[in-house]
Amino acid sequence: MIRRLEEQLKQLQAAKEELENRQKELTAMMEKLELSHEMEAAERAKLEQEIRAKQEEVQRIQSEVEAKDAEARRLQAEFEAAKLRQEEADRQYQANQTPHHHHVEENEEGEEEGEDEIPQGDVTKDLATDESIIDPVGERRTLAERSERLNDQLKALKQDLAQSRDESKETVMDKIHRENVRQGRDKYKTLREIRKGNTKRRVDQFENM
């Protein structure tokens, strides 16, 4: 389970980096648009079309990132639930072993004399056997540390994604429209100027008759 979560977080990180790269490309294109005072109309229209295509690509990658984020959170929830079940099973196991420990303590004094007679070779053999036993407490501690590290990594990724969404609230079309207005290219203003020009031309033609 924890390996699946680690792999999912790697995929999420890779998708987030791709999203950031595409957003940088989109930002560069928008900056180019804002500096396009002398750009021909056809060239500007082509740039706006490319910006729209890039925006669609960014939105697609954003959806992929959000899907991977949801999957990572689902795996994390499953892992946490499994960890709680394991901890409960460990507590139950310890509770079941308690009477046996009390029994051993009660018989310690009676066994002391026999322990003095154990050959040194047997002690060495027992120690060697004990060294090969996996410590369940240490293993659980390692899993807990990995879980905590993955949890911190997931939180950091979620914060980065939230910031990216906040920065992209203004759509590309909003920026294009704002830039058009700033450069005096508002379509209603353009229509008014055309009509004004047509009216003036008709007046001039009438006066010249």
N, C-alpha and C. Protein backbone atom coordinates (compact mmCIF):
# COMPACT_ATOMS: atom_id res chain seq x y z
N MET A 1 0.83 -1.21 0.00
CA MET A 1 0.00 0.00 0.00
C MET A 1 0.87 1.26 0.00
N ILE A 2 1.88 1.28 0.87
CA ILE A 2 2.70 2.49 0.96
C ILE A 2 3.52 2.69 -0.31
N ARG A 3 3.90 1.59 -0.98
CA ARG A 3 4.63 1.73 -2.24
C ARG A 3 3.72 2.32 -3.32
N ARG A 4 2.46 1.91 -3.32
CA ARG A 4 1.50 2.48 -4.28
C ARG A 4 1.33 3.97 -4.03
N LEU A 5 1.27 4.35 -2.76
CA LEU A 5 1.12 5.76 -2.43
C LEU A 5 2.35 6.55 -2.86
N GLU A 6 3.53 5.99 -2.63
CA GLU A 6 4.76 6.67 -3.05
C GLU A 6 4.80 6.85 -4.57
N GLU A 7 4.40 5.81 -5.30
CA GLU A 7 4.39 5.89 -6.76
C GLU A 7 3.38 6.92 -7.25
N GLN A 8 2.21 6.97 -6.59
CA GLN A 8 1.19 7.93 -6.98
C GLN A 8 1.66 9.36 -6.73
N LEU A 9 2.37 9.57 -5.64
CA LEU A 9 2.90 10.90 -5.34
C LEU A 9 3.97 11.31 -6.35
N LYS A 10 4.76 10.34 -6.82
CA LYS A 10 5.75 10.64 -7.86
C LYS A 10 5.05 11.09 -9.14
N GLN A 11 3.97 10.38 -9.51
CA GLN A 11 3.22 10.76 -10.71
C GLN A 11 2.58 12.13 -10.54
N LEU A 12 2.08 12.40 -9.33
CA LEU A 12 1.46 13.69 -9.06
C LEU A 12 2.49 14.81 -9.16
N GLN A 13 3.68 14.57 -8.63
CA GLN A 13 4.75 15.57 -8.70
C GLN A 13 5.15 15.84 -10.15
N ALA A 14 5.26 14.78 -10.96
CA ALA A 14 5.63 14.94 -12.37
C ALA A 14 4.55 15.72 -13.13
N ALA A 15 3.28 15.41 -12.86
CA ALA A 15 2.19 16.12 -13.52
C ALA A 15 2.16 17.59 -13.11
N LYS A 16 2.45 17.85 -11.83
CA LYS A 16 2.46 19.24 -11.35
C LYS A 16 3.58 20.03 -12.03
N GLU A 17 4.74 19.41 -12.20
CA GLU A 17 5.85 20.10 -12.88
C GLU A 17 5.51 20.38 -14.34
N GLU A 18 4.84 19.43 -14.99
CA GLU A 18 4.42 19.67 -16.38
C GLU A 18 3.42 20.81 -16.45
N LEU A 19 2.51 20.85 -15.49
CA LEU A 19 1.53 21.94 -15.44
C LEU A 19 2.21 23.28 -15.27
N GLU A 20 3.19 23.35 -14.39
CA GLU A 20 3.92 24.60 -14.17
C GLU A 20 4.64 25.05 -15.43
N ASN A 21 5.23 24.10 -16.16
CA ASN A 21 5.93 24.45 -17.41
C ASN A 21 4.96 25.02 -18.44
N ARG A 22 3.80 24.38 -18.58
CA ARG A 22 2.81 24.87 -19.54
C ARG A 22 2.26 26.24 -19.13
N GLN A 23 2.11 26.45 -17.83
CA GLN A 23 1.64 27.75 -17.36
C GLN A 23 2.67 28.84 -17.64
N LYS A 24 3.95 28.50 -17.52
CA LYS A 24 5.00 29.46 -17.84
C LYS A 24 4.97 29.81 -19.33
N GLU A 25 4.76 28.79 -20.17
CA GLU A 25 4.66 29.05 -21.61
C GLU A 25 3.47 29.95 -21.92
N LEU A 26 2.36 29.70 -21.24
CA LEU A 26 1.17 30.52 -21.45
C LEU A 26 1.41 31.96 -20.99
N THR A 27 2.09 32.11 -19.87
CA THR A 27 2.41 33.45 -19.37
C THR A 27 3.30 34.20 -20.35
N ALA A 28 4.29 33.50 -20.91
CA ALA A 28 5.17 34.14 -21.90
C ALA A 28 4.39 34.58 -23.13
N MET A 29 3.44 33.77 -23.55
CA MET A 29 2.62 34.13 -24.71
C MET A 29 1.74 35.35 -24.40
N MET A 30 1.23 35.41 -23.17
CA MET A 30 0.40 36.56 -22.78
C MET A 30 1.24 37.83 -22.71
N GLU A 31 2.47 37.71 -22.23
CA GLU A 31 3.35 38.88 -22.20
C GLU A 31 3.67 39.36 -23.61
N LYS A 32 3.83 38.41 -24.51
CA LYS A 32 4.07 38.78 -25.91
C LYS A 32 2.86 39.51 -26.49
N LEU A 33 1.67 39.05 -26.10
CA LEU A 33 0.44 39.69 -26.58
C LEU A 33 0.33 41.12 -26.06
N GLU A 34 0.70 41.32 -24.79
CA GLU A 34 0.61 42.64 -24.19
C GLU A 34 1.60 43.63 -24.81
N LEU A 35 2.65 43.10 -25.44
CA LEU A 35 3.66 43.96 -26.07
C LEU A 35 3.46 44.07 -27.58
N SER A 36 2.30 43.61 -28.05
CA SER A 36 2.07 43.52 -29.50
C SER A 36 1.45 44.79 -30.06
N HIS A 37 1.97 45.96 -29.70
CA HIS A 37 1.40 47.23 -30.18
C HIS A 37 1.55 47.36 -31.70
N GLU A 38 2.68 46.92 -32.22
CA GLU A 38 2.95 47.08 -33.64
C GLU A 38 2.66 45.81 -34.44
N MET A 39 2.05 44.83 -33.80
CA MET A 39 1.81 43.55 -34.47
C MET A 39 0.66 43.68 -35.47
N GLU A 40 0.82 43.06 -36.61
CA GLU A 40 -0.23 43.07 -37.62
C GLU A 40 -1.44 42.31 -37.11
N ALA A 41 -2.61 42.68 -37.65
CA ALA A 41 -3.86 42.07 -37.19
C ALA A 41 -3.85 40.56 -37.38
N ALA A 42 -3.38 40.09 -38.52
CA ALA A 42 -3.36 38.66 -38.79
C ALA A 42 -2.42 37.93 -37.84
N GLU A 43 -1.26 38.54 -37.58
CA GLU A 43 -0.30 37.94 -36.67
C GLU A 43 -0.85 37.90 -35.25
N ARG A 44 -1.53 38.96 -34.87
CA ARG A 44 -2.12 39.02 -33.53
C ARG A 44 -3.23 37.97 -33.40
N ALA A 45 -4.05 37.83 -34.43
CA ALA A 45 -5.12 36.83 -34.39
C ALA A 45 -4.55 35.42 -34.26
N LYS A 46 -3.43 35.17 -34.96
CA LYS A 46 -2.77 33.87 -34.86
C LYS A 46 -2.26 33.63 -33.44
N LEU A 47 -1.68 34.65 -32.84
CA LEU A 47 -1.17 34.53 -31.47
C LEU A 47 -2.30 34.25 -30.50
N GLU A 48 -3.42 34.95 -30.67
CA GLU A 48 -4.56 34.73 -29.79
C GLU A 48 -5.09 33.30 -29.92
N GLN A 49 -5.08 32.77 -31.14
CA GLN A 49 -5.51 31.39 -31.36
C GLN A 49 -4.56 30.41 -30.67
N GLU A 50 -3.26 30.67 -30.76
CA GLU A 50 -2.28 29.82 -30.10
C GLU A 50 -2.44 29.88 -28.58
N ILE A 51 -2.78 31.06 -28.08
CA ILE A 51 -2.98 31.21 -26.64
C ILE A 51 -4.19 30.40 -26.18
N ARG A 52 -5.26 30.43 -26.97
CA ARG A 52 -6.45 29.65 -26.61
C ARG A 52 -6.12 28.15 -26.59
N ALA A 53 -5.35 27.69 -27.58
CA ALA A 53 -4.96 26.28 -27.62
C ALA A 53 -4.10 25.92 -26.41
N LYS A 54 -3.18 26.82 -26.05
CA LYS A 54 -2.33 26.57 -24.88
C LYS A 54 -3.15 26.55 -23.60
N GLN A 55 -4.16 27.42 -23.52
CA GLN A 55 -5.03 27.43 -22.35
C GLN A 55 -5.79 26.11 -22.23
N GLU A 56 -6.26 25.57 -23.34
CA GLU A 56 -6.94 24.27 -23.31
C GLU A 56 -6.00 23.17 -22.84
N GLU A 57 -4.74 23.24 -23.28
CA GLU A 57 -3.75 22.26 -22.85
C GLU A 57 -3.50 22.37 -21.35
N VAL A 58 -3.39 23.59 -20.86
CA VAL A 58 -3.19 23.80 -19.42
C VAL A 58 -4.37 23.26 -18.63
N GLN A 59 -5.58 23.50 -19.10
CA GLN A 59 -6.76 23.01 -18.40
C GLN A 59 -6.81 21.49 -18.39
N ARG A 60 -6.39 20.87 -19.50
CA ARG A 60 -6.36 19.41 -19.56
C ARG A 60 -5.37 18.84 -18.54
N ILE A 61 -4.18 19.43 -18.50
CA ILE A 61 -3.18 18.95 -17.54
C ILE A 61 -3.64 19.23 -16.11
N GLN A 62 -4.32 20.36 -15.90
CA GLN A 62 -4.85 20.68 -14.58
C GLN A 62 -5.83 19.60 -14.12
N SER A 63 -6.68 19.13 -15.05
CA SER A 63 -7.64 18.08 -14.72
C SER A 63 -6.91 16.78 -14.37
N GLU A 64 -5.84 16.46 -15.11
CA GLU A 64 -5.06 15.27 -14.82
C GLU A 64 -4.41 15.36 -13.44
N VAL A 65 -3.89 16.53 -13.12
CA VAL A 65 -3.25 16.72 -11.81
C VAL A 65 -4.28 16.55 -10.69
N GLU A 66 -5.45 17.13 -10.87
CA GLU A 66 -6.49 17.01 -9.84
C GLU A 66 -6.93 15.56 -9.67
N ALA A 67 -6.99 14.80 -10.78
CA ALA A 67 -7.36 13.39 -10.69
C ALA A 67 -6.30 12.60 -9.93
N LYS A 68 -5.03 12.86 -10.22
CA LYS A 68 -3.94 12.18 -9.53
C LYS A 68 -3.90 12.58 -8.05
N ASP A 69 -4.23 13.84 -7.78
CA ASP A 69 -4.28 14.31 -6.39
C ASP A 69 -5.37 13.58 -5.62
N ALA A 70 -6.54 13.40 -6.26
CA ALA A 70 -7.65 12.69 -5.62
C ALA A 70 -7.27 11.23 -5.36
N GLU A 71 -6.59 10.60 -6.32
CA GLU A 71 -6.17 9.21 -6.15
C GLU A 71 -5.14 9.09 -5.03
N ALA A 72 -4.22 10.03 -4.94
CA ALA A 72 -3.22 10.01 -3.87
C ALA A 72 -3.88 10.15 -2.50
N ARG A 73 -4.88 11.03 -2.41
CA ARG A 73 -5.57 11.21 -1.13
C ARG A 73 -6.37 9.95 -0.77
N ARG A 74 -6.93 9.27 -1.80
CA ARG A 74 -7.67 8.04 -1.53
C ARG A 74 -6.73 6.95 -1.00
N LEU A 75 -5.56 6.81 -1.64
CA LEU A 75 -4.59 5.82 -1.18
C LEU A 75 -4.08 6.14 0.22
N GLN A 76 -3.90 7.42 0.50
CA GLN A 76 -3.45 7.82 1.83
C GLN A 76 -4.49 7.45 2.88
N ALA A 77 -5.77 7.68 2.56
CA ALA A 77 -6.84 7.34 3.50
C ALA A 77 -6.88 5.83 3.74
N GLU A 78 -6.70 5.04 2.67
CA GLU A 78 -6.67 3.58 2.82
C GLU A 78 -5.48 3.15 3.69
N PHE A 79 -4.34 3.79 3.47
CA PHE A 79 -3.16 3.43 4.24
C PHE A 79 -3.35 3.76 5.72
N GLU A 80 -3.91 4.93 6.00
CA GLU A 80 -4.14 5.32 7.39
C GLU A 80 -5.12 4.36 8.06
N ALA A 81 -6.16 3.94 7.33
CA ALA A 81 -7.13 3.00 7.90
C ALA A 81 -6.47 1.65 8.18
N ALA A 82 -5.62 1.19 7.25
CA ALA A 82 -4.92 -0.07 7.45
C ALA A 82 -3.96 0.02 8.64
N LYS A 83 -3.31 1.17 8.79
CA LYS A 83 -2.39 1.35 9.91
C LYS A 83 -3.14 1.31 11.24
N LEU A 84 -4.31 1.92 11.28
CA LEU A 84 -5.11 1.88 12.51
C LEU A 84 -5.54 0.46 12.85
N ARG A 85 -5.92 -0.30 11.81
CA ARG A 85 -6.32 -1.70 12.05
C ARG A 85 -5.14 -2.51 12.57
N GLN A 86 -3.94 -2.25 12.03
CA GLN A 86 -2.76 -2.97 12.49
C GLN A 86 -2.43 -2.62 13.93
N GLU A 87 -2.54 -1.34 14.27
CA GLU A 87 -2.27 -0.92 15.65
C GLU A 87 -3.26 -1.56 16.62
N GLU A 88 -4.52 -1.65 16.20
CA GLU A 88 -5.53 -2.28 17.06
C GLU A 88 -5.23 -3.77 17.22
N ALA A 89 -4.80 -4.42 16.14
CA ALA A 89 -4.44 -5.84 16.21
C ALA A 89 -3.23 -6.04 17.12
N ASP A 90 -2.27 -5.13 17.07
CA ASP A 90 -1.10 -5.23 17.94
C ASP A 90 -1.49 -5.08 19.41
N ARG A 91 -2.39 -4.13 19.68
CA ARG A 91 -2.84 -3.95 21.07
C ARG A 91 -3.57 -5.20 21.57
N GLN A 92 -4.38 -5.78 20.70
CA GLN A 92 -5.10 -6.99 21.08
C GLN A 92 -4.14 -8.14 21.34
N TYR A 93 -3.11 -8.22 20.50
CA TYR A 93 -2.11 -9.27 20.67
C TYR A 93 -1.38 -9.10 22.00
N GLN A 94 -0.98 -7.86 22.32
CA GLN A 94 -0.30 -7.60 23.58
C GLN A 94 -1.19 -7.94 24.77
N ALA A 95 -2.48 -7.61 24.64
CA ALA A 95 -3.42 -7.91 25.73
C ALA A 95 -3.54 -9.41 25.94
N ASN A 96 -3.55 -10.17 24.86
CA ASN A 96 -3.66 -11.63 24.97
C ASN A 96 -2.40 -12.26 25.54
N GLN A 97 -1.26 -11.59 25.35
CA GLN A 97 0.01 -12.13 25.84
C GLN A 97 0.28 -11.78 27.29
N THR A 98 -0.46 -10.84 27.87
CA THR A 98 -0.20 -10.38 29.24
C THR A 98 -0.26 -11.49 30.27
N PRO A 99 -1.29 -12.36 30.31
CA PRO A 99 -1.32 -13.44 31.32
C PRO A 99 -0.09 -14.34 31.24
N HIS A 100 0.38 -14.60 30.05
CA HIS A 100 1.56 -15.44 29.89
C HIS A 100 2.79 -14.78 30.51
N HIS A 101 2.93 -13.46 30.35
CA HIS A 101 4.07 -12.75 30.94
C HIS A 101 4.01 -12.82 32.47
N HIS A 102 2.81 -12.67 33.04
CA HIS A 102 2.69 -12.76 34.50
C HIS A 102 3.10 -14.14 34.98
N HIS A 103 2.71 -15.14 34.20
CA HIS A 103 3.07 -16.50 34.58
C HIS A 103 4.58 -16.69 34.55
N VAL A 104 5.23 -16.13 33.58
CA VAL A 104 6.68 -16.25 33.49
C VAL A 104 7.35 -15.57 34.66
N GLU A 105 6.86 -14.38 35.05
CA GLU A 105 7.46 -13.64 36.16
C GLU A 105 7.33 -14.42 37.47
N GLU A 106 6.19 -15.11 37.65
CA GLU A 106 5.98 -15.86 38.89
C GLU A 106 6.95 -17.03 39.01
N ASN A 107 7.40 -17.54 37.87
CA ASN A 107 8.28 -18.71 37.90
C ASN A 107 9.74 -18.37 37.69
N GLU A 108 10.07 -17.06 37.69
CA GLU A 108 11.45 -16.66 37.44
C GLU A 108 12.39 -17.18 38.52
N GLU A 109 11.96 -17.11 39.79
CA GLU A 109 12.85 -17.50 40.87
C GLU A 109 13.16 -18.99 40.80
N GLY A 110 12.16 -19.78 40.42
CA GLY A 110 12.39 -21.21 40.35
C GLY A 110 13.29 -21.62 39.21
N GLU A 111 13.44 -20.75 38.25
CA GLU A 111 14.24 -21.11 37.08
C GLU A 111 15.66 -20.56 37.15
N GLU A 112 15.95 -19.73 38.19
CA GLU A 112 17.26 -19.09 38.26
C GLU A 112 18.39 -20.10 38.34
N GLU A 113 18.20 -21.17 39.15
CA GLU A 113 19.27 -22.14 39.31
C GLU A 113 19.55 -22.86 38.00
N GLY A 114 18.49 -23.19 37.27
CA GLY A 114 18.69 -23.88 36.00
C GLY A 114 19.38 -23.00 34.99
N GLU A 115 19.12 -21.70 35.05
CA GLU A 115 19.74 -20.78 34.11
C GLU A 115 21.24 -20.69 34.33
N ASP A 116 21.66 -20.84 35.61
CA ASP A 116 23.09 -20.77 35.89
C ASP A 116 23.85 -21.92 35.24
N GLU A 117 23.16 -23.02 34.95
CA GLU A 117 23.83 -24.19 34.42
C GLU A 117 23.82 -24.23 32.89
N ILE A 118 23.25 -23.21 32.21
CA ILE A 118 23.18 -23.22 30.74
C ILE A 118 24.58 -23.06 30.17
N PRO A 119 25.00 -23.91 29.26
CA PRO A 119 26.34 -23.78 28.66
C PRO A 119 26.45 -22.50 27.86
N GLN A 120 27.69 -21.99 27.76
CA GLN A 120 27.93 -20.73 27.05
C GLN A 120 27.56 -20.86 25.58
N GLY A 121 27.77 -22.01 24.99
CA GLY A 121 27.46 -22.21 23.57
C GLY A 121 25.99 -22.02 23.29
N ASP A 122 25.12 -22.48 24.18
CA ASP A 122 23.68 -22.32 23.99
C ASP A 122 23.27 -20.86 24.03
N VAL A 123 23.91 -20.09 24.92
CA VAL A 123 23.60 -18.67 25.02
C VAL A 123 23.95 -17.97 23.71
N THR A 124 25.12 -18.28 23.18
CA THR A 124 25.54 -17.67 21.91
C THR A 124 24.58 -18.02 20.80
N LYS A 125 24.11 -19.26 20.79
CA LYS A 125 23.16 -19.70 19.76
C LYS A 125 21.86 -18.93 19.86
N ASP A 126 21.37 -18.73 21.10
CA ASP A 126 20.12 -17.99 21.31
C ASP A 126 20.27 -16.56 20.84
N LEU A 127 21.41 -15.93 21.15
CA LEU A 127 21.62 -14.55 20.74
C LEU A 127 21.65 -14.43 19.23
N ALA A 128 22.30 -15.37 18.58
CA ALA A 128 22.37 -15.34 17.13
C ALA A 128 20.99 -15.47 16.51
N THR A 129 20.17 -16.33 17.13
CA THR A 129 18.81 -16.50 16.63
C THR A 129 18.00 -15.24 16.80
N ASP A 130 18.16 -14.58 17.95
CA ASP A 130 17.40 -13.36 18.23
C ASP A 130 17.74 -12.25 17.25
N GLU A 131 19.01 -12.18 16.80
CA GLU A 131 19.42 -11.11 15.90
C GLU A 131 18.73 -11.20 14.55
N SER A 132 18.30 -12.41 14.17
CA SER A 132 17.65 -12.58 12.87
C SER A 132 16.16 -12.28 12.91
N ILE A 133 15.63 -12.02 14.08
CA ILE A 133 14.20 -11.75 14.23
C ILE A 133 13.93 -10.29 13.91
N ILE A 134 12.92 -10.03 13.06
CA ILE A 134 12.54 -8.66 12.70
C ILE A 134 11.78 -8.04 13.86
N ASP A 135 12.20 -6.88 14.24
CA ASP A 135 11.54 -6.17 15.33
C ASP A 135 10.25 -5.53 14.79
N PRO A 136 9.07 -6.01 15.20
CA PRO A 136 7.83 -5.44 14.66
C PRO A 136 7.64 -3.98 15.06
N VAL A 137 8.13 -3.62 16.25
CA VAL A 137 7.99 -2.23 16.69
C VAL A 137 8.82 -1.31 15.80
N GLY A 138 10.06 -1.72 15.52
CA GLY A 138 10.90 -0.92 14.64
C GLY A 138 10.36 -0.82 13.24
N GLU A 139 9.79 -1.93 12.75
CA GLU A 139 9.21 -1.91 11.41
C GLU A 139 8.02 -0.97 11.35
N ARG A 140 7.18 -0.98 12.38
CA ARG A 140 6.02 -0.08 12.41
C ARG A 140 6.48 1.37 12.50
N ARG A 141 7.57 1.60 13.26
CA ARG A 141 8.09 2.97 13.37
C ARG A 141 8.57 3.47 12.01
N THR A 142 9.23 2.59 11.25
CA THR A 142 9.69 2.96 9.91
C THR A 142 8.52 3.29 9.00
N LEU A 143 7.48 2.47 9.04
CA LEU A 143 6.29 2.73 8.23
C LEU A 143 5.62 4.03 8.64
N ALA A 144 5.59 4.30 9.94
CA ALA A 144 4.97 5.54 10.42
C ALA A 144 5.75 6.76 9.93
N GLU A 145 7.09 6.65 9.96
CA GLU A 145 7.92 7.77 9.48
C GLU A 145 7.71 8.00 7.99
N ARG A 146 7.63 6.92 7.22
CA ARG A 146 7.39 7.06 5.78
C ARG A 146 6.01 7.65 5.53
N SER A 147 5.03 7.21 6.33
CA SER A 147 3.68 7.75 6.17
C SER A 147 3.65 9.24 6.46
N GLU A 148 4.35 9.66 7.51
CA GLU A 148 4.39 11.08 7.87
C GLU A 148 5.07 11.89 6.77
N ARG A 149 6.15 11.34 6.21
CA ARG A 149 6.86 12.04 5.14
C ARG A 149 5.98 12.18 3.90
N LEU A 150 5.27 11.11 3.55
CA LEU A 150 4.37 11.16 2.40
C LEU A 150 3.22 12.12 2.64
N ASN A 151 2.74 12.15 3.88
CA ASN A 151 1.65 13.07 4.21
C ASN A 151 2.10 14.52 4.04
N ASP A 152 3.31 14.84 4.51
CA ASP A 152 3.85 16.20 4.35
C ASP A 152 4.03 16.54 2.87
N GLN A 153 4.50 15.56 2.10
CA GLN A 153 4.70 15.79 0.67
C GLN A 153 3.38 16.06 -0.03
N LEU A 154 2.34 15.30 0.33
CA LEU A 154 1.03 15.49 -0.28
C LEU A 154 0.45 16.85 0.09
N LYS A 155 0.63 17.28 1.34
CA LYS A 155 0.14 18.60 1.75
C LYS A 155 0.82 19.71 0.97
N ALA A 156 2.14 19.57 0.78
CA ALA A 156 2.88 20.60 0.03
C ALA A 156 2.41 20.67 -1.41
N LEU A 157 2.16 19.51 -2.02
CA LEU A 157 1.67 19.49 -3.39
C LEU A 157 0.29 20.13 -3.50
N LYS A 158 -0.57 19.85 -2.52
CA LYS A 158 -1.92 20.43 -2.54
C LYS A 158 -1.86 21.95 -2.40
N GLN A 159 -0.95 22.45 -1.57
CA GLN A 159 -0.80 23.90 -1.43
C GLN A 159 -0.33 24.54 -2.74
N ASP A 160 0.62 23.86 -3.42
CA ASP A 160 1.10 24.39 -4.70
C ASP A 160 -0.01 24.41 -5.74
N LEU A 161 -0.84 23.37 -5.75
CA LEU A 161 -1.93 23.30 -6.72
C LEU A 161 -2.97 24.37 -6.43
N ALA A 162 -3.26 24.60 -5.15
CA ALA A 162 -4.22 25.64 -4.80
C ALA A 162 -3.72 27.01 -5.24
N GLN A 163 -2.43 27.26 -5.06
CA GLN A 163 -1.86 28.53 -5.49
C GLN A 163 -1.92 28.68 -7.01
N SER A 164 -1.68 27.59 -7.73
CA SER A 164 -1.75 27.64 -9.19
C SER A 164 -3.16 27.96 -9.65
N ARG A 165 -4.15 27.39 -8.97
CA ARG A 165 -5.54 27.66 -9.35
C ARG A 165 -5.89 29.11 -9.08
N ASP A 166 -5.40 29.67 -7.97
CA ASP A 166 -5.69 31.08 -7.65
C ASP A 166 -5.09 32.01 -8.70
N GLU A 167 -3.87 31.67 -9.16
CA GLU A 167 -3.20 32.54 -10.12
C GLU A 167 -3.84 32.48 -11.50
N SER A 168 -4.59 31.41 -11.78
CA SER A 168 -5.19 31.26 -13.11
C SER A 168 -6.68 31.56 -13.11
N LYS A 169 -7.17 32.26 -12.07
CA LYS A 169 -8.59 32.58 -12.02
C LYS A 169 -9.00 33.47 -13.20
N GLU A 170 -8.13 34.42 -13.57
CA GLU A 170 -8.42 35.27 -14.71
C GLU A 170 -8.15 34.46 -15.98
N THR A 171 -9.17 34.24 -16.77
CA THR A 171 -9.02 33.41 -17.96
C THR A 171 -8.20 34.14 -19.01
N VAL A 172 -7.73 33.37 -19.97
CA VAL A 172 -6.96 33.95 -21.07
C VAL A 172 -7.82 34.93 -21.86
N MET A 173 -9.08 34.59 -22.08
CA MET A 173 -9.96 35.48 -22.83
C MET A 173 -10.15 36.80 -22.10
N ASP A 174 -10.20 36.76 -20.76
CA ASP A 174 -10.29 38.00 -19.99
C ASP A 174 -9.05 38.87 -20.24
N LYS A 175 -7.88 38.23 -20.26
CA LYS A 175 -6.65 38.98 -20.48
C LYS A 175 -6.60 39.55 -21.89
N ILE A 176 -7.03 38.75 -22.87
CA ILE A 176 -7.04 39.24 -24.25
C ILE A 176 -7.98 40.43 -24.39
N HIS A 177 -9.16 40.31 -23.78
CA HIS A 177 -10.13 41.41 -23.87
C HIS A 177 -9.58 42.66 -23.18
N ARG A 178 -8.94 42.46 -22.01
CA ARG A 178 -8.38 43.60 -21.28
C ARG A 178 -7.30 44.28 -22.10
N GLU A 179 -6.47 43.47 -22.77
CA GLU A 179 -5.40 44.05 -23.59
C GLU A 179 -5.97 44.77 -24.81
N ASN A 180 -7.00 44.20 -25.41
CA ASN A 180 -7.63 44.87 -26.55
C ASN A 180 -8.21 46.22 -26.15
N VAL A 181 -8.85 46.25 -24.99
CA VAL A 181 -9.43 47.51 -24.51
C VAL A 181 -8.32 48.52 -24.22
N ARG A 182 -7.21 48.03 -23.62
CA ARG A 182 -6.11 48.94 -23.30
C ARG A 182 -5.52 49.56 -24.56
N GLN A 183 -5.48 48.79 -25.63
CA GLN A 183 -4.92 49.29 -26.88
C GLN A 183 -5.98 49.94 -27.77
N GLY A 184 -7.19 50.14 -27.22
CA GLY A 184 -8.23 50.81 -27.99
C GLY A 184 -8.86 49.95 -29.05
N ARG A 185 -8.85 48.63 -28.82
CA ARG A 185 -9.40 47.73 -29.82
C ARG A 185 -10.74 47.15 -29.38
N ASP A 186 -11.42 47.81 -28.47
CA ASP A 186 -12.74 47.35 -28.05
C ASP A 186 -13.66 47.30 -29.27
N LYS A 187 -14.37 46.18 -29.43
CA LYS A 187 -15.13 46.00 -30.67
C LYS A 187 -16.25 47.02 -30.81
N TYR A 188 -16.85 47.43 -29.69
CA TYR A 188 -17.92 48.42 -29.78
C TYR A 188 -17.36 49.79 -30.18
N LYS A 189 -16.19 50.12 -29.63
CA LYS A 189 -15.55 51.38 -30.01
C LYS A 189 -15.17 51.36 -31.49
N THR A 190 -14.70 50.22 -31.93
CA THR A 190 -14.34 50.10 -33.35
C THR A 190 -15.56 50.29 -34.24
N LEU A 191 -16.68 49.69 -33.86
CA LEU A 191 -17.90 49.85 -34.66
C LEU A 191 -18.35 51.30 -34.69
N ARG A 192 -18.23 51.98 -33.54
CA ARG A 192 -18.63 53.39 -33.50
C ARG A 192 -17.75 54.23 -34.41
N GLU A 193 -16.45 53.93 -34.41
CA GLU A 193 -15.55 54.69 -35.27
C GLU A 193 -15.85 54.44 -36.75
N ILE A 194 -16.20 53.21 -37.08
CA ILE A 194 -16.53 52.90 -38.47
C ILE A 194 -17.79 53.66 -38.90
N ARG A 195 -18.81 53.62 -38.02
CA ARG A 195 -20.05 54.33 -38.36
C ARG A 195 -19.82 55.84 -38.46
N LYS A 196 -19.00 56.35 -37.52
CA LYS A 196 -18.70 57.78 -37.55
C LYS A 196 -17.98 58.15 -38.85
N GLY A 197 -17.07 57.29 -39.26
CA GLY A 197 -16.36 57.55 -40.51
C GLY A 197 -17.28 57.49 -41.71
N ASN A 198 -18.21 56.54 -41.72
CA ASN A 198 -19.16 56.44 -42.83
C ASN A 198 -20.06 57.66 -42.89
N THR A 199 -20.51 58.13 -41.71
CA THR A 199 -21.38 59.31 -41.67
C THR A 199 -20.65 60.55 -42.19
N LYS A 200 -19.41 60.73 -41.73
CA LYS A 200 -18.62 61.88 -42.17
C LYS A 200 -18.39 61.83 -43.68
N ARG A 201 -18.16 60.63 -44.20
CA ARG A 201 -17.91 60.50 -45.63
C ARG A 201 -19.16 60.87 -46.44
N ARG A 202 -20.33 60.48 -45.92
CA ARG A 202 -21.57 60.82 -46.62
C ARG A 202 -21.82 62.32 -46.58
N VAL A 203 -21.50 62.97 -45.43
CA VAL A 203 -21.67 64.43 -45.32
C VAL A 203 -20.74 65.14 -46.29
N ASP A 204 -19.51 64.68 -46.37
CA ASP A 204 -18.55 65.29 -47.29
C ASP A 204 -19.01 65.14 -48.74
N GLN A 205 -19.56 63.97 -49.05
CA GLN A 205 -20.04 63.76 -50.41
C GLN A 205 -21.21 64.69 -50.73
N PHE A 206 -22.10 64.92 -49.74
CA PHE A 206 -23.25 65.79 -49.94
C PHE A 206 -22.79 67.24 -50.15
N GLU A 207 -21.80 67.68 -49.35
CA GLU A 207 -21.31 69.06 -49.47
C GLU A 207 -20.60 69.30 -50.80
N ASN A 208 -20.02 68.26 -51.35
CA ASN A 208 -19.30 68.41 -52.61
C ASN A 208 -20.21 68.35 -53.84
N MET A 209 -21.46 68.06 -53.63
CA MET A 209 -22.40 67.98 -54.77
C MET A 209 -22.69 69.37 -55.33
